[in-house]
Amino acid sequence: MASVTSVQKALKGADYPTSKDDLISLAERNGADDDVLDALRNAGDSAFDGPDQVMAALKGRLGNS
């Protein structure tokens, strides 16, 4: 399960608003592991206005660390 910290590291440098596909591409470039990529792929929204919206979409898909 992806952690909040690993998602934040994977999305470092994101420019918002952005699409889910662009976030996944950024996460891949930032070396995100499969758990992070899977969580992003399964996020309900197709576009995000900011990091808070990303984290809300990932709620329930993230671990504590």
PDB file of N, CA and C in Angstrom:
ATOM      1  N   MET A   1       0.845  -1.184   0.000  1.00  0.00           N
ATOM      2  CA  MET A   1       0.000   0.000   0.000  1.00  0.00           C
ATOM      3  C   MET A   1       0.890   1.247   0.000  1.00  0.00           C
ATOM      4  N   ALA A   2       0.547   2.182  -0.824  1.00  0.00           N
ATOM      5  CA  ALA A   2       1.317   3.423  -0.940  1.00  0.00           C
ATOM      6  C   ALA A   2       1.159   4.254   0.331  1.00  0.00           C
ATOM      7  N   SER A   3       2.198   4.981   0.683  1.00  0.00           N
ATOM      8  CA  SER A   3       2.135   5.872   1.837  1.00  0.00           C
ATOM      9  C   SER A   3       1.924   7.305   1.373  1.00  0.00           C
ATOM     10  N   VAL A   4       1.443   8.137   2.280  1.00  0.00           N
ATOM     11  CA  VAL A   4       1.259   9.549   1.978  1.00  0.00           C
ATOM     12  C   VAL A   4       2.585  10.163   1.542  1.00  0.00           C
ATOM     13  N   THR A   5       3.649   9.836   2.259  1.00  0.00           N
ATOM     14  CA  THR A   5       4.970  10.380   1.943  1.00  0.00           C
ATOM     15  C   THR A   5       5.430   9.967   0.556  1.00  0.00           C
ATOM     16  N   SER A   6       5.217   8.702   0.190  1.00  0.00           N
ATOM     17  CA  SER A   6       5.655   8.235  -1.132  1.00  0.00           C
ATOM     18  C   SER A   6       4.870   8.928  -2.245  1.00  0.00           C
ATOM     19  N   VAL A   7       3.588   9.194  -2.021  1.00  0.00           N
ATOM     20  CA  VAL A   7       2.788   9.927  -3.016  1.00  0.00           C
ATOM     21  C   VAL A   7       3.296  11.354  -3.137  1.00  0.00           C
ATOM     22  N   GLN A   8       3.555  12.003  -2.017  1.00  0.00           N
ATOM     23  CA  GLN A   8       4.049  13.381  -2.048  1.00  0.00           C
ATOM     24  C   GLN A   8       5.379  13.474  -2.794  1.00  0.00           C
ATOM     25  N   LYS A   9       6.277  12.520  -2.567  1.00  0.00           N
ATOM     26  CA  LYS A   9       7.561  12.505  -3.280  1.00  0.00           C
ATOM     27  C   LYS A   9       7.350  12.271  -4.772  1.00  0.00           C
ATOM     28  N   ALA A  10       6.440  11.378  -5.107  1.00  0.00           N
ATOM     29  CA  ALA A  10       6.184  11.048  -6.510  1.00  0.00           C
ATOM     30  C   ALA A  10       5.609  12.230  -7.279  1.00  0.00           C
ATOM     31  N   LEU A  11       4.863  13.090  -6.584  1.00  0.00           N
ATOM     32  CA  LEU A  11       4.189  14.203  -7.253  1.00  0.00           C
ATOM     33  C   LEU A  11       4.933  15.525  -7.085  1.00  0.00           C
ATOM     34  N   LYS A  12       6.163  15.456  -6.581  1.00  0.00           N
ATOM     35  CA  LYS A  12       6.955  16.676  -6.418  1.00  0.00           C
ATOM     36  C   LYS A  12       7.164  17.339  -7.779  1.00  0.00           C
ATOM     37  N   GLY A  13       6.882  18.631  -7.824  1.00  0.00           N
ATOM     38  CA  GLY A  13       7.044  19.384  -9.061  1.00  0.00           C
ATOM     39  C   GLY A  13       5.795  19.449  -9.922  1.00  0.00           C
ATOM     40  N   ALA A  14       4.680  18.909  -9.423  1.00  0.00           N
ATOM     41  CA  ALA A  14       3.440  18.936 -10.198  1.00  0.00           C
ATOM     42  C   ALA A  14       2.923  20.365 -10.337  1.00  0.00           C
ATOM     43  N   ASP A  15       2.430  20.677 -11.519  1.00  0.00           N
ATOM     44  CA  ASP A  15       1.790  21.955 -11.785  1.00  0.00           C
ATOM     45  C   ASP A  15       0.289  21.725 -11.885  1.00  0.00           C
ATOM     46  N   TYR A  16      -0.454  22.414 -11.056  1.00  0.00           N
ATOM     47  CA  TYR A  16      -1.912  22.268 -11.018  1.00  0.00           C
ATOM     48  C   TYR A  16      -2.569  23.483 -11.634  1.00  0.00           C
ATOM     49  N   PRO A  17      -3.765  23.313 -12.217  1.00  0.00           N
ATOM     50  CA  PRO A  17      -4.511  22.059 -12.377  1.00  0.00           C
ATOM     51  C   PRO A  17      -3.826  21.131 -13.377  1.00  0.00           C
ATOM     52  N   THR A  18      -4.079  19.838 -13.217  1.00  0.00           N
ATOM     53  CA  THR A  18      -3.455  18.836 -14.079  1.00  0.00           C
ATOM     54  C   THR A  18      -4.365  17.623 -14.216  1.00  0.00           C
ATOM     55  N   SER A  19      -4.080  16.827 -15.221  1.00  0.00           N
ATOM     56  CA  SER A  19      -4.862  15.609 -15.442  1.00  0.00           C
ATOM     57  C   SER A  19      -4.247  14.439 -14.682  1.00  0.00           C
ATOM     58  N   LYS A  20      -5.052  13.413 -14.487  1.00  0.00           N
ATOM     59  CA  LYS A  20      -4.563  12.208 -13.833  1.00  0.00           C
ATOM     60  C   LYS A  20      -3.428  11.591 -14.651  1.00  0.00           C
ATOM     61  N   ASP A  21      -3.565  11.582 -15.972  1.00  0.00           N
ATOM     62  CA  ASP A  21      -2.516  11.008 -16.822  1.00  0.00           C
ATOM     63  C   ASP A  21      -1.197  11.754 -16.661  1.00  0.00           C
ATOM     64  N   ASP A  22      -1.265  13.093 -16.558  1.00  0.00           N
ATOM     65  CA  ASP A  22      -0.041  13.868 -16.360  1.00  0.00           C
ATOM     66  C   ASP A  22       0.585  13.581 -15.003  1.00  0.00           C
ATOM     67  N   LEU A  23      -0.240  13.388 -13.973  1.00  0.00           N
ATOM     68  CA  LEU A  23       0.301  13.048 -12.649  1.00  0.00           C
ATOM     69  C   LEU A  23       0.966  11.680 -12.664  1.00  0.00           C
ATOM     70  N   ILE A  24       0.361  10.742 -13.351  1.00  0.00           N
ATOM     71  CA  ILE A  24       0.960   9.399 -13.445  1.00  0.00           C
ATOM     72  C   ILE A  24       2.306   9.477 -14.167  1.00  0.00           C
ATOM     73  N   SER A  25       2.368  10.234 -15.246  1.00  0.00           N
ATOM     74  CA  SER A  25       3.634  10.405 -15.978  1.00  0.00           C
ATOM     75  C   SER A  25       4.699  11.045 -15.092  1.00  0.00           C
ATOM     76  N   LEU A  26       4.310  12.071 -14.330  1.00  0.00           N
ATOM     77  CA  LEU A  26       5.248  12.725 -13.415  1.00  0.00           C
ATOM     78  C   LEU A  26       5.727  11.748 -12.356  1.00  0.00           C
ATOM     79  N   ALA A  27       4.812  10.991 -11.790  1.00  0.00           N
ATOM     80  CA  ALA A  27       5.180  10.010 -10.767  1.00  0.00           C
ATOM     81  C   ALA A  27       6.165   8.983 -11.321  1.00  0.00           C
ATOM     82  N   GLU A  28       5.944   8.535 -12.547  1.00  0.00           N
ATOM     83  CA  GLU A  28       6.879   7.590 -13.179  1.00  0.00           C
ATOM     84  C   GLU A  28       8.257   8.222 -13.327  1.00  0.00           C
ATOM     85  N   ARG A  29       8.308   9.477 -13.787  1.00  0.00           N
ATOM     86  CA  ARG A  29       9.599  10.170 -13.939  1.00  0.00           C
ATOM     87  C   ARG A  29      10.298  10.373 -12.600  1.00  0.00           C
ATOM     88  N   ASN A  30       9.500  10.529 -11.542  1.00  0.00           N
ATOM     89  CA  ASN A  30      10.063  10.732 -10.205  1.00  0.00           C
ATOM     90  C   ASN A  30      10.386   9.419  -9.498  1.00  0.00           C
ATOM     91  N   GLY A  31      10.239   8.292 -10.190  1.00  0.00           N
ATOM     92  CA  GLY A  31      10.634   6.994  -9.640  1.00  0.00           C
ATOM     93  C   GLY A  31       9.634   6.367  -8.690  1.00  0.00           C
ATOM     94  N   ALA A  32       8.366   6.684  -8.847  1.00  0.00           N
ATOM     95  CA  ALA A  32       7.342   6.119  -7.967  1.00  0.00           C
ATOM     96  C   ALA A  32       7.273   4.604  -8.102  1.00  0.00           C
ATOM     97  N   ASP A  33       6.964   3.950  -6.987  1.00  0.00           N
ATOM     98  CA  ASP A  33       6.826   2.493  -7.033  1.00  0.00           C
ATOM     99  C   ASP A  33       5.430   2.109  -7.551  1.00  0.00           C
ATOM    100  N   ASP A  34       5.242   0.817  -7.755  1.00  0.00           N
ATOM    101  CA  ASP A  34       3.981   0.333  -8.335  1.00  0.00           C
ATOM    102  C   ASP A  34       2.775   0.642  -7.460  1.00  0.00           C
ATOM    103  N   ASP A  35       2.949   0.646  -6.129  1.00  0.00           N
ATOM    104  CA  ASP A  35       1.825   0.952  -5.242  1.00  0.00           C
ATOM    105  C   ASP A  35       1.311   2.370  -5.476  1.00  0.00           C
ATOM    106  N   VAL A  36       2.225   3.313  -5.617  1.00  0.00           N
ATOM    107  CA  VAL A  36       1.838   4.705  -5.865  1.00  0.00           C
ATOM    108  C   VAL A  36       1.165   4.825  -7.220  1.00  0.00           C
ATOM    109  N   LEU A  37       1.764   4.222  -8.237  1.00  0.00           N
ATOM    110  CA  LEU A  37       1.197   4.304  -9.588  1.00  0.00           C
ATOM    111  C   LEU A  37      -0.191   3.673  -9.643  1.00  0.00           C
ATOM    112  N   ASP A  38      -0.369   2.535  -8.983  1.00  0.00           N
ATOM    113  CA  ASP A  38      -1.678   1.881  -8.961  1.00  0.00           C
ATOM    114  C   ASP A  38      -2.712   2.752  -8.254  1.00  0.00           C
ATOM    115  N   ALA A  39      -2.320   3.377  -7.142  1.00  0.00           N
ATOM    116  CA  ALA A  39      -3.248   4.254  -6.419  1.00  0.00           C
ATOM    117  C   ALA A  39      -3.679   5.414  -7.298  1.00  0.00           C
ATOM    118  N   LEU A  40      -2.731   6.005  -8.015  1.00  0.00           N
ATOM    119  CA  LEU A  40      -3.070   7.125  -8.901  1.00  0.00           C
ATOM    120  C   LEU A  40      -3.964   6.669 -10.044  1.00  0.00           C
ATOM    121  N   ARG A  41      -3.652   5.525 -10.620  1.00  0.00           N
ATOM    122  CA  ARG A  41      -4.463   5.012 -11.734  1.00  0.00           C
ATOM    123  C   ARG A  41      -5.903   4.751 -11.302  1.00  0.00           C
ATOM    124  N   ASN A  42      -6.082   4.362 -10.045  1.00  0.00           N
ATOM    125  CA  ASN A  42      -7.405   4.019  -9.547  1.00  0.00           C
ATOM    126  C   ASN A  42      -8.106   5.182  -8.848  1.00  0.00           C
ATOM    127  N   ALA A  43      -7.487   6.346  -8.847  1.00  0.00           N
ATOM    128  CA  ALA A  43      -8.125   7.526  -8.270  1.00  0.00           C
ATOM    129  C   ALA A  43      -9.369   7.864  -9.087  1.00  0.00           C
ATOM    130  N   GLY A  44     -10.416   8.279  -8.422  1.00  0.00           N
ATOM    131  CA  GLY A  44     -11.689   8.498  -9.098  1.00  0.00           C
ATOM    132  C   GLY A  44     -11.712   9.676 -10.049  1.00  0.00           C
ATOM    133  N   ASP A  45     -10.986  10.727  -9.733  1.00  0.00           N
ATOM    134  CA  ASP A  45     -11.034  11.938 -10.546  1.00  0.00           C
ATOM    135  C   ASP A  45     -10.140  11.812 -11.772  1.00  0.00           C
ATOM    136  N   SER A  46     -10.483  12.543 -12.819  1.00  0.00           N
ATOM    137  CA  SER A  46      -9.651  12.540 -14.028  1.00  0.00           C
ATOM    138  C   SER A  46      -8.777  13.782 -14.116  1.00  0.00           C
ATOM    139  N   ALA A  47      -9.059  14.780 -13.268  1.00  0.00           N
ATOM    140  CA  ALA A  47      -8.265  16.005 -13.228  1.00  0.00           C
ATOM    141  C   ALA A  47      -8.252  16.518 -11.795  1.00  0.00           C
ATOM    142  N   PHE A  48      -7.211  17.270 -11.461  1.00  0.00           N
ATOM    143  CA  PHE A  48      -7.021  17.726 -10.094  1.00  0.00           C
ATOM    144  C   PHE A  48      -6.633  19.195 -10.078  1.00  0.00           C
ATOM    145  N   ASP A  49      -7.239  19.936  -9.152  1.00  0.00           N
ATOM    146  CA  ASP A  49      -6.948  21.359  -9.008  1.00  0.00           C
ATOM    147  C   ASP A  49      -5.783  21.625  -8.073  1.00  0.00           C
ATOM    148  N   GLY A  50      -5.407  20.647  -7.252  1.00  0.00           N
ATOM    149  CA  GLY A  50      -4.304  20.836  -6.326  1.00  0.00           C
ATOM    150  C   GLY A  50      -4.005  19.561  -5.569  1.00  0.00           C
ATOM    151  N   PRO A  51      -2.942  19.569  -4.777  1.00  0.00           N
ATOM    152  CA  PRO A  51      -2.539  18.363  -4.052  1.00  0.00           C
ATOM    153  C   PRO A  51      -3.584  17.874  -3.053  1.00  0.00           C
ATOM    154  N   ASP A  52      -4.344  18.792  -2.466  1.00  0.00           N
ATOM    155  CA  ASP A  52      -5.381  18.366  -1.524  1.00  0.00           C
ATOM    156  C   ASP A  52      -6.439  17.512  -2.218  1.00  0.00           C
ATOM    157  N   GLN A  53      -6.768  17.861  -3.453  1.00  0.00           N
ATOM    158  CA  GLN A  53      -7.751  17.083  -4.210  1.00  0.00           C
ATOM    159  C   GLN A  53      -7.188  15.703  -4.556  1.00  0.00           C
ATOM    160  N   VAL A  54      -5.897  15.640  -4.856  1.00  0.00           N
ATOM    161  CA  VAL A  54      -5.266  14.336  -5.135  1.00  0.00           C
ATOM    162  C   VAL A  54      -5.351  13.455  -3.895  1.00  0.00           C
ATOM    163  N   MET A  55      -4.965  14.009  -2.747  1.00  0.00           N
ATOM    164  CA  MET A  55      -4.957  13.203  -1.527  1.00  0.00           C
ATOM    165  C   MET A  55      -6.377  12.764  -1.154  1.00  0.00           C
ATOM    166  N   ALA A  56      -7.369  13.622  -1.379  1.00  0.00           N
ATOM    167  CA  ALA A  56      -8.755  13.247  -1.100  1.00  0.00           C
ATOM    168  C   ALA A  56      -9.187  12.091  -2.009  1.00  0.00           C
ATOM    169  N   ALA A  57      -8.762  12.113  -3.262  1.00  0.00           N
ATOM    170  CA  ALA A  57      -9.122  11.050  -4.210  1.00  0.00           C
ATOM    171  C   ALA A  57      -8.446   9.732  -3.845  1.00  0.00           C
ATOM    172  N   LEU A  58      -7.311   9.819  -3.159  1.00  0.00           N
ATOM    173  CA  LEU A  58      -6.563   8.613  -2.782  1.00  0.00           C
ATOM    174  C   LEU A  58      -6.931   8.104  -1.399  1.00  0.00           C
ATOM    175  N   LYS A  59      -7.818   8.792  -0.723  1.00  0.00           N
ATOM    176  CA  LYS A  59      -8.215   8.392   0.638  1.00  0.00           C
ATOM    177  C   LYS A  59      -8.676   6.940   0.632  1.00  0.00           C
ATOM    178  N   GLY A  60      -8.174   6.175   1.581  1.00  0.00           N
ATOM    179  CA  GLY A  60      -8.521   4.762   1.660  1.00  0.00           C
ATOM    180  C   GLY A  60      -7.574   3.880   0.865  1.00  0.00           C
ATOM    181  N   ARG A  61      -6.726   4.484   0.033  1.00  0.00           N
ATOM    182  CA  ARG A  61      -5.764   3.740  -0.777  1.00  0.00           C
ATOM    183  C   ARG A  61      -4.335   3.912  -0.240  1.00  0.00           C
ATOM    184  N   LEU A  62      -4.184   4.692   0.845  1.00  0.00           N
ATOM    185  CA  LEU A  62      -2.863   5.020   1.353  1.00  0.00           C
ATOM    186  C   LEU A  62      -2.657   4.472   2.755  1.00  0.00           C
ATOM    187  N   GLY A  63      -1.399   4.100   3.028  1.00  0.00           N
ATOM    188  CA  GLY A  63      -1.023   3.694   4.386  1.00  0.00           C
ATOM    189  C   GLY A  63      -0.694   4.911   5.216  1.00  0.00           C
ATOM    190  N   ASN A  64      -0.254   4.693   6.435  1.00  0.00           N
ATOM    191  CA  ASN A  64      -0.026   5.787   7.379  1.00  0.00           C
ATOM    192  C   ASN A  64       1.325   6.445   7.269  1.00  0.00           C
ATOM    193  N   SER A  65       2.325   5.753   6.773  1.00  0.00           N
ATOM    194  CA  SER A  65       3.670   6.321   6.830  1.00  0.00           C
ATOM    195  C   SER A  65       3.996   7.153   5.606  1.00  0.00           C
TER     196      SER A  65
END
